[in-house]
């Protein structure tokens, strides 16, 4: 009976050990999934922190650009006002003295000057070509004159 009783107890312990092993296996699987999920979350967190830093830097850069643009805008406005005042002064001065040349006349004279300069360059090129042609002909004539003698 004692042996039989020990066998029954042994089977019960084997069953309990088997159940404990199953529970341990289940806990290991759960632990593995948890570690895998934790690593995944850490990786995502790292990426998000990196992206957040990039975005912060981008925001700072854009703020600096905005500040510079605002400064440039205010500078341009000031320059515009100064130009407007200068224009007003020049307008008053031009009304006072009618003997000043008109802008249209200046533009026309400048265009005429560029056209004349282009014509001079063209004629100089033609003269150079003619001189080269004359030189070639003189050389040919000399060569013919020497071959005849």
Protein backbone atom coordinates (compact mmCIF):
# COMPACT_ATOMS: atom_id res chain seq x y z
CA UNK A 1 0.00 0.00 0.00
CA UNK A 2 2.79 2.41 0.87
CA UNK A 3 4.45 1.82 -2.46
CA UNK A 4 1.13 2.27 -4.19
CA UNK A 5 0.49 5.43 -2.18
CA UNK A 6 3.95 6.75 -3.14
CA UNK A 7 3.25 6.09 -6.81
CA UNK A 8 0.00 8.04 -6.62
CA UNK A 9 1.73 10.90 -4.83
CA UNK A 10 4.55 10.76 -7.37
CA UNK A 11 2.04 11.01 -10.23
CA UNK A 12 0.35 13.92 -8.53
CA UNK A 13 3.71 15.65 -8.13
CA UNK A 14 4.60 14.90 -11.74
CA UNK A 15 1.29 16.46 -12.79
CA UNK A 16 1.96 19.48 -10.56
CA UNK A 17 5.50 19.78 -11.95
CA UNK A 18 4.11 19.48 -15.49
CA UNK A 19 1.57 22.20 -14.73
CA UNK A 20 4.30 24.37 -13.19
CA UNK A 21 6.48 23.76 -16.27
CA UNK A 22 3.58 24.71 -18.55
CA UNK A 23 2.97 27.82 -16.49
CA UNK A 24 6.71 28.62 -16.58
CA UNK A 25 6.75 28.12 -20.36
CA UNK A 26 3.73 30.40 -20.72
CA UNK A 27 5.42 33.02 -18.54
CA UNK A 28 8.61 32.78 -20.62
CA UNK A 29 6.60 33.31 -23.82
CA UNK A 30 4.82 36.28 -22.27
CA UNK A 31 8.13 37.65 -21.03
CA UNK A 32 9.66 37.24 -24.52
CA UNK A 33 6.76 39.07 -26.16
CA UNK A 34 7.00 41.79 -23.52
CA UNK A 35 10.75 42.21 -24.08
CA UNK A 36 10.21 42.29 -27.84
CA UNK A 37 7.46 44.88 -27.44
CA UNK A 38 9.64 46.88 -25.04
CA UNK A 39 12.53 46.91 -27.53
CA UNK A 40 10.16 47.95 -30.30
CA UNK A 41 8.80 50.75 -28.16
CA UNK A 42 12.33 51.87 -27.23
CA UNK A 43 13.24 51.97 -30.91
CA UNK A 44 10.12 54.01 -31.71
CA UNK A 45 10.85 56.33 -28.79
CA UNK A 46 14.39 56.87 -30.03
CA UNK A 47 13.13 57.63 -33.53
CA UNK A 48 10.48 59.99 -32.22
CA UNK A 49 12.97 61.79 -30.00
CA UNK A 50 15.31 62.15 -32.95
CA UNK A 51 12.47 63.50 -35.09
CA UNK A 52 11.44 65.87 -32.28
CA UNK A 53 15.00 67.22 -32.08
CA UNK A 54 15.08 67.67 -35.85
CA UNK A 55 11.75 69.50 -35.74
CA UNK A 56 12.91 71.71 -32.86
CA UNK A 57 16.03 72.61 -34.84
CA UNK A 58 13.91 73.24 -37.93
CA UNK A 59 11.59 75.51 -35.94
CA UNK A 60 14.54 77.47 -34.56
CA UNK A 61 15.99 77.82 -38.04
CA UNK A 62 12.67 79.02 -39.44
CA UNK A 63 12.25 81.46 -36.55
CA UNK A 64 15.68 82.87 -37.36
CA UNK A 65 14.72 83.12 -41.03
CA UNK A 66 11.46 84.84 -40.09
CA UNK A 67 13.31 87.29 -37.87
CA UNK A 68 15.77 88.03 -40.69
CA UNK A 69 12.92 88.43 -43.18
CA UNK A 70 11.13 90.84 -40.84
CA UNK A 71 14.35 92.83 -40.43
CA UNK A 72 14.85 92.86 -44.20
CA UNK A 73 11.24 93.93 -44.69
CA UNK A 74 11.56 96.82 -42.26
CA UNK A 75 14.83 97.83 -43.92
CA UNK A 76 13.18 97.76 -47.35
CA UNK A 77 10.28 99.85 -46.04
CA UNK A 78 12.75 102.41 -44.69
CA UNK A 79 14.64 102.44 -47.99
CA UNK A 80 11.36 102.83 -49.86
CA UNK A 81 10.44 105.83 -47.74
CA UNK A 82 13.88 107.35 -48.30
CA UNK A 83 13.57 106.75 -52.04
CA UNK A 84 10.09 108.28 -52.02
CA UNK A 85 11.47 111.41 -50.29
CA UNK A 86 14.39 111.58 -52.74
CA UNK A 87 11.97 111.18 -55.62
CA UNK A 88 9.81 113.97 -54.26
CA UNK A 89 12.86 116.27 -53.98
CA UNK A 90 13.97 115.41 -57.51
CA UNK A 91 10.47 115.99 -58.81
CA UNK A 92 10.41 119.44 -57.22
CA UNK A 93 13.87 120.20 -58.60
CA UNK A 94 12.87 119.07 -62.08
CA UNK A 95 9.88 121.43 -62.00
CA UNK A 96 12.17 124.29 -60.99
CA UNK A 97 14.71 123.77 -63.76
CA UNK A 98 13.25 122.97 -67.16
CA UNK A 99 16.66 122.94 -68.86
CA UNK A 100 17.49 119.48 -67.48
CA UNK A 101 17.40 116.68 -70.06
CA UNK A 102 14.49 114.30 -69.94
CA UNK A 103 15.01 110.64 -69.02
CA UNK A 104 13.57 109.50 -72.35
CA UNK A 105 16.20 111.58 -74.18
CA UNK A 106 18.95 110.02 -72.08
CA UNK A 107 17.68 106.51 -72.77
CA UNK A 108 17.46 107.24 -76.50
CA UNK A 109 20.97 108.70 -76.59
CA UNK A 110 22.34 105.70 -74.72
CA UNK A 111 20.63 103.32 -77.15
CA UNK A 112 22.04 105.31 -80.08
CA UNK A 113 25.50 105.18 -78.51
CA UNK A 114 25.34 101.38 -78.15
CA UNK A 115 24.16 101.07 -81.74
CA UNK A 116 27.00 103.29 -83.01
CA UNK A 117 29.56 101.34 -80.97
CA UNK A 118 28.25 98.11 -82.50
CA UNK A 119 28.57 99.62 -85.98
CA UNK A 120 32.15 100.72 -85.24
CA UNK A 121 33.05 97.19 -84.09
CA UNK A 122 31.45 95.77 -87.22
CA UNK A 123 33.35 98.16 -89.50
CA UNK A 124 36.62 97.45 -87.70
CA UNK A 125 36.04 93.74 -88.24
CA UNK A 126 35.38 94.38 -91.94
CA UNK A 127 38.54 96.49 -92.21
CA UNK A 128 40.58 93.75 -90.53
CA UNK A 129 39.15 91.17 -92.95
CA UNK A 130 39.88 93.44 -95.93
CA UNK A 131 43.44 94.06 -94.73
CA UNK A 132 44.01 90.31 -94.37
CA UNK A 133 42.61 89.73 -97.85
CA UNK A 134 44.82 92.49 -99.28
CA UNK A 135 47.84 91.04 -97.50
CA UNK A 136 47.09 87.59 -98.96
CA UNK A 137 46.75 89.03 -102.45
CA UNK A 138 50.01 91.01 -102.08
CA UNK A 139 51.74 87.83 -100.92
CA UNK A 140 50.34 85.92 -103.92
CA UNK A 141 51.40 88.67 -106.28
CA UNK A 142 54.91 88.72 -104.84
CA UNK A 143 55.07 84.95 -105.11
CA UNK A 144 53.96 85.13 -108.75
CA UNK A 145 56.37 87.96 -109.46
CA UNK A 146 59.29 85.94 -108.08
CA UNK A 147 58.32 82.82 -109.95
CA UNK A 148 58.27 84.75 -113.24
CA UNK A 149 61.83 86.03 -112.80
